[in-house]
Amino acid sequence: MIRVLMVDDRQLVRESVSRVLEEQHDIAVVATASDVSSALVMVEDMTPDVIVLSMRMSESMQLVQQVTSTFEKTRIVALGTGDEPGVTVLPDCSIDDLVTAIHQADHTRAGGPQAIAPLRLEGSRLTPREQEVACLIDQGFTNKEIARELNISVATAKSHVHRILGKLQVNDRGAVGGAVRRSTA
């Protein structure tokens, strides 16, 4: 279970994002904080796996610096702008992109590669969720298996596959798999 701390000064954002994340079978929002000082206390007490942090808060960089220097196993997914080392930054994202970023951040926390490079396939940039789907296509997953693996509906899986085919300008799943293998070689 990935333990998440949600930090945002807007109550609606904290509650909404937390509720959506709680729907994921492998993510637990262990706490929310409306300011950096409360978040620091929670990080010390709970040591979450991943912090989802709004970068629009004036003291957000203070939290980033303290967490990255003191809590080496805690990862940060920043909502907004920035380029702090060791922080995954999502300037504008969907819930699927956020969930993918949390999984990737947790993967690096658990000893995986420090950076999971975005797939750049024939000039097209895939979103983090599309990257996941493309890798599953390469592994031979059907739409139903992709849906089950990513905890999404079959219709959403089909939509991702359709967008990937369009971005790569290919007509079949085999061509997607070939592009994935070429991009990671």
N, C-alpha and C. Protein backbone atom coordinates (compact mmCIF):
# COMPACT_ATOMS: atom_id res chain seq x y z
N MET A 1 0.84 -1.18 0.00
CA MET A 1 0.00 0.00 0.00
C MET A 1 0.88 1.25 0.00
N ILE A 2 0.63 2.16 -0.91
CA ILE A 2 1.40 3.41 -1.00
C ILE A 2 0.74 4.43 -0.07
N ARG A 3 1.50 4.90 0.91
CA ARG A 3 0.99 5.85 1.90
C ARG A 3 1.25 7.28 1.40
N VAL A 4 0.17 8.06 1.22
CA VAL A 4 0.26 9.38 0.61
C VAL A 4 -0.16 10.46 1.60
N LEU A 5 0.60 11.55 1.60
CA LEU A 5 0.23 12.77 2.32
C LEU A 5 -0.13 13.80 1.26
N MET A 6 -1.34 14.37 1.34
CA MET A 6 -1.82 15.37 0.39
C MET A 6 -1.69 16.75 1.02
N VAL A 7 -0.93 17.66 0.35
CA VAL A 7 -0.68 19.00 0.90
C VAL A 7 -1.14 20.04 -0.11
N ASP A 8 -2.16 20.80 0.28
CA ASP A 8 -2.68 21.89 -0.54
C ASP A 8 -3.43 22.84 0.38
N ASP A 9 -3.32 24.14 0.13
CA ASP A 9 -4.00 25.09 1.01
C ASP A 9 -5.49 25.24 0.69
N ARG A 10 -5.95 24.57 -0.35
CA ARG A 10 -7.37 24.64 -0.71
C ARG A 10 -8.08 23.36 -0.25
N GLN A 11 -9.06 23.51 0.62
CA GLN A 11 -9.77 22.37 1.18
C GLN A 11 -10.44 21.53 0.10
N LEU A 12 -11.06 22.18 -0.87
CA LEU A 12 -11.75 21.45 -1.93
C LEU A 12 -10.77 20.55 -2.70
N VAL A 13 -9.60 21.07 -3.01
CA VAL A 13 -8.59 20.28 -3.74
C VAL A 13 -8.12 19.12 -2.88
N ARG A 14 -7.80 19.39 -1.61
CA ARG A 14 -7.34 18.32 -0.71
C ARG A 14 -8.37 17.19 -0.63
N GLU A 15 -9.62 17.57 -0.40
CA GLU A 15 -10.66 16.56 -0.23
C GLU A 15 -10.94 15.82 -1.54
N SER A 16 -11.01 16.53 -2.63
CA SER A 16 -11.33 15.90 -3.92
C SER A 16 -10.24 14.93 -4.37
N VAL A 17 -9.01 15.39 -4.34
CA VAL A 17 -7.90 14.53 -4.77
C VAL A 17 -7.78 13.33 -3.83
N SER A 18 -7.92 13.57 -2.54
CA SER A 18 -7.84 12.47 -1.57
C SER A 18 -8.90 11.42 -1.82
N ARG A 19 -10.12 11.85 -2.08
CA ARG A 19 -11.20 10.89 -2.34
C ARG A 19 -10.92 10.05 -3.59
N VAL A 20 -10.44 10.69 -4.63
CA VAL A 20 -10.15 9.96 -5.86
C VAL A 20 -8.99 8.98 -5.63
N LEU A 21 -7.97 9.42 -4.93
CA LEU A 21 -6.83 8.53 -4.67
C LEU A 21 -7.24 7.34 -3.80
N GLU A 22 -8.14 7.55 -2.86
CA GLU A 22 -8.60 6.47 -1.98
C GLU A 22 -9.34 5.38 -2.76
N GLU A 23 -9.84 5.71 -3.95
CA GLU A 23 -10.52 4.72 -4.78
C GLU A 23 -9.54 3.73 -5.40
N GLN A 24 -8.26 4.07 -5.39
CA GLN A 24 -7.24 3.17 -5.94
C GLN A 24 -6.99 2.05 -4.93
N HIS A 25 -6.86 0.84 -5.41
CA HIS A 25 -6.70 -0.31 -4.52
C HIS A 25 -5.37 -0.34 -3.78
N ASP A 26 -4.38 0.41 -4.25
CA ASP A 26 -3.06 0.33 -3.64
C ASP A 26 -2.54 1.66 -3.11
N ILE A 27 -3.44 2.63 -2.95
CA ILE A 27 -3.06 3.94 -2.42
C ILE A 27 -3.93 4.27 -1.21
N ALA A 28 -3.29 4.71 -0.13
CA ALA A 28 -4.01 5.16 1.06
C ALA A 28 -3.55 6.57 1.39
N VAL A 29 -4.48 7.50 1.44
CA VAL A 29 -4.15 8.86 1.87
C VAL A 29 -4.16 8.84 3.40
N VAL A 30 -2.97 8.90 3.99
CA VAL A 30 -2.85 8.76 5.44
C VAL A 30 -3.10 10.08 6.17
N ALA A 31 -2.99 11.21 5.46
CA ALA A 31 -3.24 12.51 6.08
C ALA A 31 -3.30 13.58 4.99
N THR A 32 -3.89 14.71 5.38
CA THR A 32 -3.88 15.89 4.51
C THR A 32 -3.41 17.07 5.37
N ALA A 33 -2.79 18.03 4.70
CA ALA A 33 -2.31 19.22 5.40
C ALA A 33 -2.62 20.44 4.55
N SER A 34 -2.96 21.55 5.24
CA SER A 34 -3.29 22.78 4.52
C SER A 34 -2.15 23.78 4.50
N ASP A 35 -1.06 23.45 5.20
CA ASP A 35 0.10 24.36 5.21
C ASP A 35 1.37 23.55 5.41
N VAL A 36 2.49 24.18 5.13
CA VAL A 36 3.78 23.50 5.15
C VAL A 36 4.19 23.09 6.55
N SER A 37 3.95 23.94 7.55
CA SER A 37 4.38 23.58 8.91
C SER A 37 3.63 22.34 9.41
N SER A 38 2.34 22.25 9.13
CA SER A 38 1.58 21.04 9.51
C SER A 38 2.08 19.83 8.73
N ALA A 39 2.38 20.03 7.45
CA ALA A 39 2.87 18.93 6.62
C ALA A 39 4.20 18.40 7.17
N LEU A 40 5.10 19.29 7.59
CA LEU A 40 6.39 18.84 8.13
C LEU A 40 6.21 17.99 9.37
N VAL A 41 5.29 18.38 10.25
CA VAL A 41 5.01 17.59 11.45
C VAL A 41 4.48 16.22 11.05
N MET A 42 3.58 16.19 10.07
CA MET A 42 3.00 14.91 9.62
C MET A 42 4.05 14.02 8.96
N VAL A 43 4.96 14.62 8.21
CA VAL A 43 6.02 13.83 7.58
C VAL A 43 6.89 13.19 8.67
N GLU A 44 7.24 13.97 9.70
CA GLU A 44 8.05 13.43 10.80
C GLU A 44 7.32 12.32 11.54
N ASP A 45 6.02 12.49 11.78
CA ASP A 45 5.24 11.51 12.54
C ASP A 45 4.91 10.25 11.74
N MET A 46 4.59 10.42 10.46
CA MET A 46 4.04 9.31 9.67
C MET A 46 4.99 8.75 8.62
N THR A 47 5.97 9.52 8.22
CA THR A 47 6.88 9.15 7.13
C THR A 47 6.13 8.53 5.96
N PRO A 48 5.34 9.35 5.25
CA PRO A 48 4.60 8.82 4.10
C PRO A 48 5.56 8.39 2.99
N ASP A 49 5.06 7.53 2.11
CA ASP A 49 5.86 7.09 0.96
C ASP A 49 5.96 8.20 -0.07
N VAL A 50 4.83 8.87 -0.31
CA VAL A 50 4.75 9.92 -1.34
C VAL A 50 3.98 11.10 -0.79
N ILE A 51 4.47 12.29 -1.08
CA ILE A 51 3.74 13.53 -0.75
C ILE A 51 3.25 14.12 -2.06
N VAL A 52 1.95 14.41 -2.14
CA VAL A 52 1.39 15.14 -3.27
C VAL A 52 1.29 16.58 -2.79
N LEU A 53 2.04 17.47 -3.42
CA LEU A 53 2.23 18.84 -2.93
C LEU A 53 1.85 19.87 -3.97
N SER A 54 1.00 20.83 -3.57
CA SER A 54 0.68 21.96 -4.43
C SER A 54 1.83 22.95 -4.38
N MET A 55 2.40 23.24 -5.54
CA MET A 55 3.51 24.19 -5.61
C MET A 55 3.03 25.64 -5.63
N ARG A 56 1.73 25.86 -5.61
CA ARG A 56 1.22 27.23 -5.60
C ARG A 56 1.30 27.85 -4.21
N MET A 57 1.55 27.03 -3.20
CA MET A 57 1.69 27.54 -1.83
C MET A 57 3.04 28.24 -1.69
N SER A 58 3.06 29.36 -0.99
CA SER A 58 4.27 30.17 -0.93
C SER A 58 5.46 29.45 -0.28
N GLU A 59 5.22 28.53 0.64
CA GLU A 59 6.32 27.86 1.33
C GLU A 59 6.56 26.44 0.82
N SER A 60 6.02 26.10 -0.34
CA SER A 60 6.15 24.72 -0.82
C SER A 60 7.61 24.31 -1.04
N MET A 61 8.45 25.22 -1.49
CA MET A 61 9.86 24.88 -1.73
C MET A 61 10.57 24.54 -0.41
N GLN A 62 10.15 25.17 0.68
CA GLN A 62 10.71 24.84 2.00
C GLN A 62 10.43 23.38 2.33
N LEU A 63 9.22 22.92 2.07
CA LEU A 63 8.87 21.53 2.32
C LEU A 63 9.68 20.59 1.42
N VAL A 64 9.80 20.96 0.15
CA VAL A 64 10.57 20.14 -0.79
C VAL A 64 12.01 20.00 -0.29
N GLN A 65 12.63 21.10 0.08
CA GLN A 65 14.03 21.06 0.51
C GLN A 65 14.21 20.26 1.79
N GLN A 66 13.30 20.42 2.75
CA GLN A 66 13.45 19.68 4.01
C GLN A 66 13.20 18.19 3.82
N VAL A 67 12.21 17.85 3.01
CA VAL A 67 11.90 16.43 2.81
C VAL A 67 13.01 15.75 2.01
N THR A 68 13.47 16.39 0.93
CA THR A 68 14.50 15.74 0.10
C THR A 68 15.83 15.62 0.84
N SER A 69 16.11 16.52 1.79
CA SER A 69 17.38 16.43 2.52
C SER A 69 17.29 15.55 3.76
N THR A 70 16.11 15.38 4.34
CA THR A 70 15.98 14.67 5.61
C THR A 70 15.33 13.30 5.48
N PHE A 71 14.37 13.16 4.60
CA PHE A 71 13.59 11.92 4.49
C PHE A 71 13.85 11.31 3.12
N GLU A 72 14.98 10.62 2.99
CA GLU A 72 15.42 10.15 1.67
C GLU A 72 14.49 9.12 1.05
N LYS A 73 13.66 8.45 1.82
CA LYS A 73 12.75 7.44 1.26
C LYS A 73 11.38 8.02 0.88
N THR A 74 11.11 9.26 1.25
CA THR A 74 9.84 9.90 0.90
C THR A 74 10.01 10.64 -0.41
N ARG A 75 9.11 10.40 -1.34
CA ARG A 75 9.14 11.04 -2.65
C ARG A 75 8.06 12.12 -2.72
N ILE A 76 8.28 13.09 -3.60
CA ILE A 76 7.33 14.19 -3.76
C ILE A 76 6.84 14.24 -5.20
N VAL A 77 5.51 14.34 -5.34
CA VAL A 77 4.89 14.62 -6.63
C VAL A 77 4.32 16.02 -6.49
N ALA A 78 4.88 16.95 -7.26
CA ALA A 78 4.51 18.37 -7.15
C ALA A 78 3.49 18.73 -8.22
N LEU A 79 2.41 19.35 -7.79
CA LEU A 79 1.39 19.84 -8.71
C LEU A 79 1.66 21.31 -8.95
N GLY A 80 2.06 21.65 -10.16
CA GLY A 80 2.40 23.03 -10.48
C GLY A 80 3.68 23.09 -11.28
N THR A 81 4.53 24.05 -10.96
CA THR A 81 5.77 24.21 -11.71
C THR A 81 6.95 24.11 -10.77
N GLY A 82 8.10 23.84 -11.34
CA GLY A 82 9.33 23.72 -10.58
C GLY A 82 10.24 22.72 -11.25
N ASP A 83 11.49 22.67 -10.78
CA ASP A 83 12.43 21.71 -11.35
C ASP A 83 13.41 21.23 -10.30
N GLU A 84 12.93 21.03 -9.10
CA GLU A 84 13.77 20.57 -8.00
C GLU A 84 14.20 19.12 -8.26
N PRO A 85 15.48 18.78 -8.10
CA PRO A 85 15.93 17.40 -8.30
C PRO A 85 15.21 16.44 -7.36
N GLY A 86 14.87 15.27 -7.87
CA GLY A 86 14.21 14.26 -7.06
C GLY A 86 12.72 14.46 -6.88
N VAL A 87 12.16 15.45 -7.57
CA VAL A 87 10.73 15.74 -7.45
C VAL A 87 10.08 15.54 -8.81
N THR A 88 8.98 14.80 -8.81
CA THR A 88 8.20 14.64 -10.04
C THR A 88 7.27 15.83 -10.14
N VAL A 89 7.35 16.60 -11.22
CA VAL A 89 6.54 17.81 -11.37
C VAL A 89 5.48 17.58 -12.45
N LEU A 90 4.23 17.84 -12.08
CA LEU A 90 3.11 17.73 -13.02
C LEU A 90 2.47 19.11 -13.15
N PRO A 91 2.81 19.88 -14.19
CA PRO A 91 2.26 21.23 -14.33
C PRO A 91 0.76 21.23 -14.56
N ASP A 92 0.26 20.28 -15.29
CA ASP A 92 -1.17 20.17 -15.57
C ASP A 92 -1.42 18.70 -15.86
N CYS A 93 -2.29 18.07 -15.09
CA CYS A 93 -2.42 16.63 -15.27
C CYS A 93 -3.83 16.16 -14.99
N SER A 94 -4.11 14.97 -15.47
CA SER A 94 -5.36 14.30 -15.17
C SER A 94 -5.15 13.47 -13.90
N ILE A 95 -6.24 12.93 -13.37
CA ILE A 95 -6.14 12.03 -12.23
C ILE A 95 -5.31 10.81 -12.61
N ASP A 96 -5.52 10.27 -13.82
CA ASP A 96 -4.74 9.12 -14.27
C ASP A 96 -3.25 9.44 -14.25
N ASP A 97 -2.88 10.64 -14.71
CA ASP A 97 -1.47 11.04 -14.71
C ASP A 97 -0.93 11.13 -13.28
N LEU A 98 -1.75 11.66 -12.37
CA LEU A 98 -1.34 11.77 -10.97
C LEU A 98 -1.13 10.38 -10.36
N VAL A 99 -2.06 9.48 -10.60
CA VAL A 99 -1.93 8.12 -10.07
C VAL A 99 -0.67 7.45 -10.63
N THR A 100 -0.43 7.62 -11.91
CA THR A 100 0.78 7.06 -12.52
C THR A 100 2.04 7.66 -11.89
N ALA A 101 2.04 8.96 -11.68
CA ALA A 101 3.20 9.62 -11.07
C ALA A 101 3.43 9.12 -9.64
N ILE A 102 2.36 8.89 -8.90
CA ILE A 102 2.49 8.36 -7.53
C ILE A 102 3.11 6.96 -7.59
N HIS A 103 2.63 6.13 -8.51
CA HIS A 103 3.20 4.79 -8.65
C HIS A 103 4.68 4.86 -9.03
N GLN A 104 5.03 5.74 -9.96
CA GLN A 104 6.42 5.86 -10.38
C GLN A 104 7.29 6.39 -9.23
N ALA A 105 6.78 7.35 -8.48
CA ALA A 105 7.53 7.89 -7.34
C ALA A 105 7.74 6.80 -6.30
N ASP A 106 6.72 6.01 -6.04
CA ASP A 106 6.85 4.92 -5.07
C ASP A 106 7.85 3.88 -5.58
N HIS A 107 7.85 3.64 -6.88
CA HIS A 107 8.79 2.69 -7.47
C HIS A 107 10.23 3.14 -7.23
N THR A 108 10.51 4.42 -7.38
CA THR A 108 11.87 4.91 -7.14
C THR A 108 12.20 4.85 -5.65
N ARG A 109 11.20 5.09 -4.80
CA ARG A 109 11.41 5.02 -3.35
C ARG A 109 11.80 3.61 -2.93
N ALA A 110 11.22 2.63 -3.59
CA ALA A 110 11.46 1.23 -3.24
C ALA A 110 12.73 0.68 -3.88
N GLY A 111 13.53 1.54 -4.49
CA GLY A 111 14.80 1.10 -5.03
C GLY A 111 14.82 0.93 -6.54
N GLY A 112 13.74 1.32 -7.20
CA GLY A 112 13.71 1.25 -8.66
C GLY A 112 14.55 2.36 -9.25
N PRO A 113 14.61 2.45 -10.58
CA PRO A 113 15.39 3.50 -11.22
C PRO A 113 14.93 4.88 -10.75
N GLN A 114 15.86 5.80 -10.62
CA GLN A 114 15.53 7.14 -10.13
C GLN A 114 14.70 7.95 -11.11
N ALA A 115 14.80 7.65 -12.37
CA ALA A 115 14.02 8.40 -13.35
C ALA A 115 13.41 7.42 -14.33
N ILE A 116 12.15 7.58 -14.56
CA ILE A 116 11.48 6.78 -15.57
C ILE A 116 11.22 7.73 -16.73
N ALA A 117 12.02 7.59 -17.75
CA ALA A 117 11.99 8.55 -18.85
C ALA A 117 10.69 8.43 -19.63
N PRO A 118 10.12 9.56 -20.04
CA PRO A 118 8.93 9.48 -20.87
C PRO A 118 9.25 8.84 -22.21
N LEU A 119 8.34 8.05 -22.70
CA LEU A 119 8.53 7.44 -24.01
C LEU A 119 8.34 8.51 -25.07
N ARG A 120 9.31 8.66 -25.92
CA ARG A 120 9.19 9.58 -27.05
C ARG A 120 9.19 8.71 -28.29
N LEU A 121 8.03 8.56 -28.85
CA LEU A 121 7.87 7.65 -29.96
C LEU A 121 7.56 8.42 -31.23
N GLU A 122 8.49 8.37 -32.16
CA GLU A 122 8.32 9.00 -33.46
C GLU A 122 7.81 10.43 -33.34
N GLY A 123 8.40 11.19 -32.43
CA GLY A 123 8.05 12.60 -32.28
C GLY A 123 6.82 12.85 -31.42
N SER A 124 6.14 11.81 -30.96
CA SER A 124 4.94 11.99 -30.15
C SER A 124 5.28 11.74 -28.69
N ARG A 125 4.82 12.60 -27.83
CA ARG A 125 5.04 12.41 -26.41
C ARG A 125 3.76 11.83 -25.81
N LEU A 126 3.90 10.69 -25.16
CA LEU A 126 2.77 10.05 -24.51
C LEU A 126 2.68 10.53 -23.07
N THR A 127 1.47 10.65 -22.56
CA THR A 127 1.28 10.99 -21.16
C THR A 127 1.79 9.83 -20.31
N PRO A 128 2.01 10.06 -19.00
CA PRO A 128 2.45 8.95 -18.15
C PRO A 128 1.50 7.75 -18.21
N ARG A 129 0.20 7.98 -18.22
CA ARG A 129 -0.75 6.87 -18.27
C ARG A 129 -0.66 6.16 -19.63
N GLU A 130 -0.51 6.93 -20.70
CA GLU A 130 -0.37 6.32 -22.02
C GLU A 130 0.92 5.50 -22.09
N GLN A 131 1.97 5.94 -21.41
CA GLN A 131 3.21 5.17 -21.35
C GLN A 131 2.95 3.81 -20.71
N GLU A 132 2.22 3.82 -19.59
CA GLU A 132 1.89 2.56 -18.92
C GLU A 132 1.11 1.65 -19.85
N VAL A 133 0.11 2.21 -20.51
CA VAL A 133 -0.72 1.42 -21.42
C VAL A 133 0.11 0.89 -22.57
N ALA A 134 0.98 1.71 -23.14
CA ALA A 134 1.82 1.27 -24.25
C ALA A 134 2.72 0.11 -23.82
N CYS A 135 3.27 0.17 -22.62
CA CYS A 135 4.11 -0.93 -22.13
C CYS A 135 3.29 -2.19 -21.93
N LEU A 136 2.06 -2.06 -21.47
CA LEU A 136 1.19 -3.23 -21.31
C LEU A 136 0.80 -3.81 -22.67
N ILE A 137 0.57 -2.94 -23.65
CA ILE A 137 0.30 -3.42 -25.01
C ILE A 137 1.49 -4.23 -25.51
N ASP A 138 2.69 -3.71 -25.25
CA ASP A 138 3.91 -4.41 -25.66
C ASP A 138 4.01 -5.79 -25.00
N GLN A 139 3.48 -5.93 -23.80
CA GLN A 139 3.51 -7.20 -23.09
C GLN A 139 2.38 -8.14 -23.53
N GLY A 140 1.53 -7.67 -24.47
CA GLY A 140 0.48 -8.51 -25.00
C GLY A 140 -0.84 -8.44 -24.26
N PHE A 141 -1.02 -7.46 -23.39
CA PHE A 141 -2.25 -7.32 -22.64
C PHE A 141 -3.41 -6.95 -23.56
N THR A 142 -4.58 -7.51 -23.30
CA THR A 142 -5.80 -7.10 -24.00
C THR A 142 -6.35 -5.86 -23.30
N ASN A 143 -7.35 -5.21 -23.91
CA ASN A 143 -7.97 -4.04 -23.26
C ASN A 143 -8.52 -4.41 -21.89
N LYS A 144 -9.15 -5.57 -21.79
CA LYS A 144 -9.72 -6.00 -20.52
C LYS A 144 -8.62 -6.22 -19.47
N GLU A 145 -7.50 -6.80 -19.87
CA GLU A 145 -6.38 -7.02 -18.95
C GLU A 145 -5.73 -5.70 -18.55
N ILE A 146 -5.64 -4.76 -19.50
CA ILE A 146 -5.10 -3.42 -19.18
C ILE A 146 -6.00 -2.76 -18.14
N ALA A 147 -7.30 -2.83 -18.35
CA ALA A 147 -8.26 -2.23 -17.41
C ALA A 147 -8.09 -2.82 -16.01
N ARG A 148 -7.97 -4.12 -15.94
CA ARG A 148 -7.82 -4.79 -14.64
C ARG A 148 -6.49 -4.40 -13.99
N GLU A 149 -5.43 -4.39 -14.76
CA GLU A 149 -4.09 -4.07 -14.23
C GLU A 149 -4.02 -2.64 -13.69
N LEU A 150 -4.66 -1.70 -14.40
CA LEU A 150 -4.56 -0.28 -14.03
C LEU A 150 -5.75 0.21 -13.21
N ASN A 151 -6.67 -0.71 -12.91
CA ASN A 151 -7.84 -0.36 -12.11
C ASN A 151 -8.66 0.75 -12.77
N ILE A 152 -8.91 0.57 -14.08
CA ILE A 152 -9.73 1.50 -14.85
C ILE A 152 -10.79 0.70 -15.59
N SER A 153 -11.73 1.38 -16.20
CA SER A 153 -12.77 0.68 -16.96
C SER A 153 -12.21 0.22 -18.31
N VAL A 154 -12.87 -0.76 -18.90
CA VAL A 154 -12.47 -1.24 -20.22
C VAL A 154 -12.60 -0.10 -21.24
N ALA A 155 -13.66 0.70 -21.11
CA ALA A 155 -13.85 1.83 -22.03
C ALA A 155 -12.69 2.82 -21.93
N THR A 156 -12.20 3.07 -20.73
CA THR A 156 -11.06 3.98 -20.56
C THR A 156 -9.80 3.36 -21.16
N ALA A 157 -9.61 2.07 -20.96
CA ALA A 157 -8.46 1.38 -21.57
C ALA A 157 -8.51 1.51 -23.09
N LYS A 158 -9.69 1.28 -23.67
CA LYS A 158 -9.85 1.40 -25.12
C LYS A 158 -9.53 2.82 -25.58
N SER A 159 -9.97 3.80 -24.81
CA SER A 159 -9.71 5.20 -25.15
C SER A 159 -8.21 5.49 -25.15
N HIS A 160 -7.50 4.99 -24.15
CA HIS A 160 -6.05 5.17 -24.11
C HIS A 160 -5.39 4.53 -25.33
N VAL A 161 -5.79 3.30 -25.64
CA VAL A 161 -5.21 2.59 -26.78
C VAL A 161 -5.46 3.39 -28.07
N HIS A 162 -6.67 3.90 -28.22
CA HIS A 162 -7.02 4.66 -29.42
C HIS A 162 -6.15 5.92 -29.53
N ARG A 163 -5.96 6.64 -28.40
CA ARG A 163 -5.13 7.85 -28.42
C ARG A 163 -3.68 7.51 -28.75
N ILE A 164 -3.19 6.40 -28.20
CA ILE A 164 -1.80 5.99 -28.48
C ILE A 164 -1.64 5.68 -29.96
N LEU A 165 -2.57 4.92 -30.54
CA LEU A 165 -2.51 4.61 -31.97
C LEU A 165 -2.49 5.89 -32.79
N GLY A 166 -3.34 6.86 -32.40
CA GLY A 166 -3.39 8.13 -33.12
C GLY A 166 -2.11 8.93 -33.00
N LYS A 167 -1.56 9.03 -31.78
CA LYS A 167 -0.33 9.79 -31.58
C LYS A 167 0.84 9.18 -32.33
N LEU A 168 0.86 7.86 -32.38
CA LEU A 168 1.97 7.18 -33.06
C LEU A 168 1.71 7.01 -34.55
N GLN A 169 0.49 7.33 -34.97
CA GLN A 169 0.08 7.20 -36.37
C GLN A 169 0.32 5.78 -36.88
N VAL A 170 -0.14 4.81 -36.08
CA VAL A 170 -0.07 3.40 -36.46
C VAL A 170 -1.47 2.80 -36.40
N ASN A 171 -1.63 1.64 -37.03
CA ASN A 171 -2.96 1.05 -37.12
C ASN A 171 -3.17 -0.18 -36.25
N ASP A 172 -2.11 -0.70 -35.64
CA ASP A 172 -2.32 -1.91 -34.84
C ASP A 172 -1.43 -1.92 -33.61
N ARG A 173 -1.79 -2.79 -32.67
CA ARG A 173 -1.11 -2.89 -31.39
C ARG A 173 0.33 -3.39 -31.55
N GLY A 174 0.59 -4.23 -32.53
CA GLY A 174 1.94 -4.73 -32.76
C GLY A 174 2.91 -3.60 -33.04
N ALA A 175 2.45 -2.61 -33.80
CA ALA A 175 3.30 -1.46 -34.12
C ALA A 175 3.59 -0.64 -32.86
N VAL A 176 2.63 -0.58 -31.93
CA VAL A 176 2.86 0.12 -30.66
C VAL A 176 3.96 -0.59 -29.89
N GLY A 177 3.85 -1.93 -29.80
CA GLY A 177 4.87 -2.71 -29.09
C GLY A 177 6.24 -2.51 -29.69
N GLY A 178 6.34 -2.50 -31.01
CA GLY A 178 7.63 -2.29 -31.67
C GLY A 178 8.19 -0.92 -31.35
N ALA A 179 7.34 0.10 -31.33
CA ALA A 179 7.79 1.46 -31.00
C ALA A 179 8.28 1.53 -29.56
N VAL A 180 7.60 0.84 -28.64
CA VAL A 180 8.03 0.83 -27.25
C VAL A 180 9.40 0.18 -27.13
N ARG A 181 9.59 -0.95 -27.78
CA ARG A 181 10.88 -1.64 -27.71
C ARG A 181 12.01 -0.80 -28.31
N ARG A 182 11.72 -0.09 -29.42
CA ARG A 182 12.75 0.76 -30.03
C ARG A 182 13.09 1.93 -29.11
N SER A 183 12.10 2.51 -28.41
CA SER A 183 12.34 3.68 -27.57
C SER A 183 13.09 3.34 -26.30
N THR A 184 13.00 2.10 -25.86
CA THR A 184 13.67 1.72 -24.61
C THR A 184 14.99 1.00 -24.87
N ALA A 185 15.32 0.81 -26.13
CA ALA A 185 16.57 0.08 -26.46
C ALA A 185 17.78 0.97 -26.31
